[in-house]
Amino acid sequence: MTRKVITCRDVMNQRFAIVDGLTTVSEALNIMNDNDYKKVVIKKRDESDEWGQVLLSDIAKHVIAKDRSPERVNCYEIMAKPVIAVRPGMDIKYCARLFNSFGLSSAPVIENQDVIGVVSYNDIVLSWLDYLESR
């Protein structure tokens, strides 16, 4: 029996916002809270730049733990950059292996230099479960 390939495009979500690096952590938190997001993706400044991201855990580690004011810290100061991204056509089994190898829990899905979604372990497992139940 041939296994159906489930791709990152099949499972990706839209639970993120794209913001400028100069966005304050306070502004980013408001966007995240208003939309139930756990991350913001930081825009590339130009074609030679790379995407960045700020997760809630980054805010905990770099702002709260260090007693910094979220109104005075910009996202570019605490972002991870460059981010490890995945292709839309990547099989989720390889995506899960990539996450494991690099200690990731999610990654942007990039197509033609644009972020078109985000994939997380939750998305992978829930889609895989749906696939198993439909067999």
C-alpha atoms as a PDB file:
ATOM      1  CA  MET A   1       0.000   0.000   0.000  1.00  0.00           C
ATOM      2  CA  THR A   2       1.376   3.397  -0.998  1.00  0.00           C
ATOM      3  CA  ARG A   3       1.461   6.052   1.705  1.00  0.00           C
ATOM      4  CA  LYS A   4      -0.256   9.309   0.828  1.00  0.00           C
ATOM      5  CA  VAL A   5       2.202  12.168   1.076  1.00  0.00           C
ATOM      6  CA  ILE A   6       0.923  14.903   3.371  1.00  0.00           C
ATOM      7  CA  THR A   7       2.781  18.153   2.755  1.00  0.00           C
ATOM      8  CA  CYS A   8       3.470  21.228   4.809  1.00  0.00           C
ATOM      9  CA  ARG A   9       1.053  23.126   2.543  1.00  0.00           C
ATOM     10  CA  ASP A  10      -1.662  20.617   3.511  1.00  0.00           C
ATOM     11  CA  VAL A  11      -1.201  21.222   7.238  1.00  0.00           C
ATOM     12  CA  MET A  12       0.055  24.803   7.575  1.00  0.00           C
ATOM     13  CA  ASN A  13      -1.931  27.392   9.494  1.00  0.00           C
ATOM     14  CA  GLN A  14      -2.407  31.151   9.290  1.00  0.00           C
ATOM     15  CA  ARG A  15      -1.996  31.827  13.020  1.00  0.00           C
ATOM     16  CA  PHE A  16       0.716  34.470  12.720  1.00  0.00           C
ATOM     17  CA  ALA A  17       1.141  38.115  11.826  1.00  0.00           C
ATOM     18  CA  ILE A  18       3.905  39.711   9.798  1.00  0.00           C
ATOM     19  CA  VAL A  19       5.311  42.817  11.468  1.00  0.00           C
ATOM     20  CA  ASP A  20       8.220  45.206  11.045  1.00  0.00           C
ATOM     21  CA  GLY A  21      11.305  44.691  13.197  1.00  0.00           C
ATOM     22  CA  LEU A  22      10.718  48.094  14.780  1.00  0.00           C
ATOM     23  CA  THR A  23       7.400  46.914  16.217  1.00  0.00           C
ATOM     24  CA  THR A  24       7.639  47.028  19.996  1.00  0.00           C
ATOM     25  CA  VAL A  25       7.183  43.870  22.004  1.00  0.00           C
ATOM     26  CA  SER A  26       4.129  45.501  23.578  1.00  0.00           C
ATOM     27  CA  GLU A  27       2.571  46.071  20.132  1.00  0.00           C
ATOM     28  CA  ALA A  28       3.443  42.523  19.067  1.00  0.00           C
ATOM     29  CA  LEU A  29       1.870  41.122  22.240  1.00  0.00           C
ATOM     30  CA  ASN A  30      -1.319  43.051  21.544  1.00  0.00           C
ATOM     31  CA  ILE A  31      -1.485  41.606  18.007  1.00  0.00           C
ATOM     32  CA  MET A  32      -0.795  38.103  19.328  1.00  0.00           C
ATOM     33  CA  ASN A  33      -3.332  38.404  22.134  1.00  0.00           C
ATOM     34  CA  ASP A  34      -6.064  39.878  19.909  1.00  0.00           C
ATOM     35  CA  ASN A  35      -5.678  37.047  17.372  1.00  0.00           C
ATOM     36  CA  ASP A  36      -4.672  34.124  19.615  1.00  0.00           C
ATOM     37  CA  TYR A  37      -1.252  33.879  17.896  1.00  0.00           C
ATOM     38  CA  LYS A  38       1.882  32.477  19.511  1.00  0.00           C
ATOM     39  CA  LYS A  39       4.318  34.159  17.129  1.00  0.00           C
ATOM     40  CA  VAL A  40       4.945  37.089  14.854  1.00  0.00           C
ATOM     41  CA  VAL A  41       7.082  36.862  11.736  1.00  0.00           C
ATOM     42  CA  ILE A  42       9.464  39.756  11.196  1.00  0.00           C
ATOM     43  CA  LYS A  43       9.541  41.234   7.682  1.00  0.00           C
ATOM     44  CA  LYS A  44      12.640  41.198   5.566  1.00  0.00           C
ATOM     45  CA  ARG A  45      14.071  44.700   5.187  1.00  0.00           C
ATOM     46  CA  ASP A  46      15.108  44.036   1.590  1.00  0.00           C
ATOM     47  CA  GLU A  47      15.704  41.192  -0.873  1.00  0.00           C
ATOM     48  CA  SER A  48      19.067  40.256   0.648  1.00  0.00           C
ATOM     49  CA  ASP A  49      17.665  40.108   4.193  1.00  0.00           C
ATOM     50  CA  GLU A  50      16.168  37.059   5.932  1.00  0.00           C
ATOM     51  CA  TRP A  51      12.877  36.481   7.756  1.00  0.00           C
ATOM     52  CA  GLY A  52      12.850  36.611  11.556  1.00  0.00           C
ATOM     53  CA  GLN A  53      10.359  35.547  14.193  1.00  0.00           C
ATOM     54  CA  VAL A  54       9.424  36.262  17.777  1.00  0.00           C
ATOM     55  CA  LEU A  55       7.705  33.556  19.796  1.00  0.00           C
ATOM     56  CA  LEU A  56       5.985  33.982  23.148  1.00  0.00           C
ATOM     57  CA  SER A  57       8.902  32.049  24.652  1.00  0.00           C
ATOM     58  CA  ASP A  58      11.335  34.658  23.253  1.00  0.00           C
ATOM     59  CA  ILE A  59       9.380  37.372  25.054  1.00  0.00           C
ATOM     60  CA  ALA A  60       9.492  35.370  28.290  1.00  0.00           C
ATOM     61  CA  LYS A  61      13.263  34.772  27.996  1.00  0.00           C
ATOM     62  CA  HIS A  62      14.419  38.141  26.685  1.00  0.00           C
ATOM     63  CA  VAL A  63      11.934  40.623  28.134  1.00  0.00           C
ATOM     64  CA  ILE A  64      10.146  39.236  31.201  1.00  0.00           C
ATOM     65  CA  ALA A  65      13.094  37.278  32.655  1.00  0.00           C
ATOM     66  CA  LYS A  66      15.398  40.278  32.180  1.00  0.00           C
ATOM     67  CA  ASP A  67      12.832  42.720  33.607  1.00  0.00           C
ATOM     68  CA  ARG A  68      12.802  44.821  30.438  1.00  0.00           C
ATOM     69  CA  SER A  69       9.924  47.079  29.458  1.00  0.00           C
ATOM     70  CA  PRO A  70       7.915  45.662  26.521  1.00  0.00           C
ATOM     71  CA  GLU A  71       7.190  49.246  25.408  1.00  0.00           C
ATOM     72  CA  ARG A  72      10.926  49.926  25.067  1.00  0.00           C
ATOM     73  CA  VAL A  73      12.078  46.710  23.376  1.00  0.00           C
ATOM     74  CA  ASN A  74      11.723  46.287  19.629  1.00  0.00           C
ATOM     75  CA  CYS A  75      11.088  42.910  18.059  1.00  0.00           C
ATOM     76  CA  TYR A  76      14.372  43.050  16.120  1.00  0.00           C
ATOM     77  CA  GLU A  77      16.231  43.029  19.460  1.00  0.00           C
ATOM     78  CA  ILE A  78      14.862  39.649  20.544  1.00  0.00           C
ATOM     79  CA  MET A  79      13.957  37.899  17.291  1.00  0.00           C
ATOM     80  CA  ALA A  80      15.435  34.690  15.982  1.00  0.00           C
ATOM     81  CA  LYS A  81      16.975  35.385  12.582  1.00  0.00           C
ATOM     82  CA  PRO A  82      17.391  33.768  10.168  1.00  0.00           C
ATOM     83  CA  VAL A  83      14.556  31.353  10.801  1.00  0.00           C
ATOM     84  CA  ILE A  84      14.597  27.764   9.683  1.00  0.00           C
ATOM     85  CA  ALA A  85      11.801  27.568   7.140  1.00  0.00           C
ATOM     86  CA  VAL A  86      10.178  24.746   5.203  1.00  0.00           C
ATOM     87  CA  ARG A  87       8.978  24.379   1.642  1.00  0.00           C
ATOM     88  CA  PRO A  88       5.231  23.972   1.018  1.00  0.00           C
ATOM     89  CA  GLY A  89       5.837  20.651  -0.748  1.00  0.00           C
ATOM     90  CA  MET A  90       7.906  19.099   2.047  1.00  0.00           C
ATOM     91  CA  ASP A  91       6.518  15.806   3.376  1.00  0.00           C
ATOM     92  CA  ILE A  92       5.440  16.252   7.005  1.00  0.00           C
ATOM     93  CA  LYS A  93       7.561  13.278   8.062  1.00  0.00           C
ATOM     94  CA  TYR A  94      10.665  15.218   6.998  1.00  0.00           C
ATOM     95  CA  CYS A  95       9.317  18.368   8.607  1.00  0.00           C
ATOM     96  CA  ALA A  96       8.906  16.476  11.908  1.00  0.00           C
ATOM     97  CA  ARG A  97      12.481  15.167  11.573  1.00  0.00           C
ATOM     98  CA  LEU A  98      13.754  18.703  10.916  1.00  0.00           C
ATOM     99  CA  PHE A  99      11.935  19.986  14.010  1.00  0.00           C
ATOM    100  CA  ASN A 100      13.480  17.201  16.080  1.00  0.00           C
ATOM    101  CA  SER A 101      16.991  17.781  14.720  1.00  0.00           C
ATOM    102  CA  PHE A 102      16.949  21.509  15.452  1.00  0.00           C
ATOM    103  CA  GLY A 103      14.711  21.656  18.540  1.00  0.00           C
ATOM    104  CA  LEU A 104      11.932  23.519  16.745  1.00  0.00           C
ATOM    105  CA  SER A 105       8.220  23.465  17.491  1.00  0.00           C
ATOM    106  CA  SER A 106       7.127  25.405  14.412  1.00  0.00           C
ATOM    107  CA  ALA A 107       8.486  26.968  11.232  1.00  0.00           C
ATOM    108  CA  PRO A 108       7.343  29.391   8.568  1.00  0.00           C
ATOM    109  CA  VAL A 109       6.359  27.932   5.196  1.00  0.00           C
ATOM    110  CA  ILE A 110       8.071  29.969   2.483  1.00  0.00           C
ATOM    111  CA  GLU A 111       7.200  29.984  -1.202  1.00  0.00           C
ATOM    112  CA  ASN A 112       8.685  32.414  -3.738  1.00  0.00           C
ATOM    113  CA  GLN A 113      10.406  34.328  -0.911  1.00  0.00           C
ATOM    114  CA  ASP A 114       7.065  34.953   0.877  1.00  0.00           C
ATOM    115  CA  VAL A 115       5.739  33.461   4.103  1.00  0.00           C
ATOM    116  CA  ILE A 116       2.511  31.711   3.146  1.00  0.00           C
ATOM    117  CA  GLY A 117       1.846  29.929   6.424  1.00  0.00           C
ATOM    118  CA  VAL A 118       3.293  28.356   9.518  1.00  0.00           C
ATOM    119  CA  VAL A 119       3.508  24.666  10.362  1.00  0.00           C
ATOM    120  CA  SER A 120       3.781  23.308  13.904  1.00  0.00           C
ATOM    121  CA  TYR A 121       4.073  19.921  15.569  1.00  0.00           C
ATOM    122  CA  ASN A 122       0.376  20.258  16.483  1.00  0.00           C
ATOM    123  CA  ASP A 123      -0.575  20.774  12.822  1.00  0.00           C
ATOM    124  CA  ILE A 124       1.523  17.784  11.756  1.00  0.00           C
ATOM    125  CA  VAL A 125       0.166  15.375  14.372  1.00  0.00           C
ATOM    126  CA  LEU A 126      -3.488  16.383  14.015  1.00  0.00           C
ATOM    127  CA  SER A 127      -3.344  16.078  10.204  1.00  0.00           C
ATOM    128  CA  TRP A 128      -1.580  12.724  10.459  1.00  0.00           C
ATOM    129  CA  LEU A 129      -4.278  11.535  12.875  1.00  0.00           C
ATOM    130  CA  ASP A 130      -7.003  12.637  10.426  1.00  0.00           C
ATOM    131  CA  TYR A 131      -5.205  10.706   7.690  1.00  0.00           C
ATOM    132  CA  LEU A 132      -4.994   7.556   9.837  1.00  0.00           C
ATOM    133  CA  GLU A 133      -8.690   7.738  10.700  1.00  0.00           C
ATOM    134  CA  SER A 134      -9.667   8.150   7.041  1.00  0.00           C
ATOM    135  CA  ARG A 135      -7.822   5.017   5.873  1.00  0.00           C
END
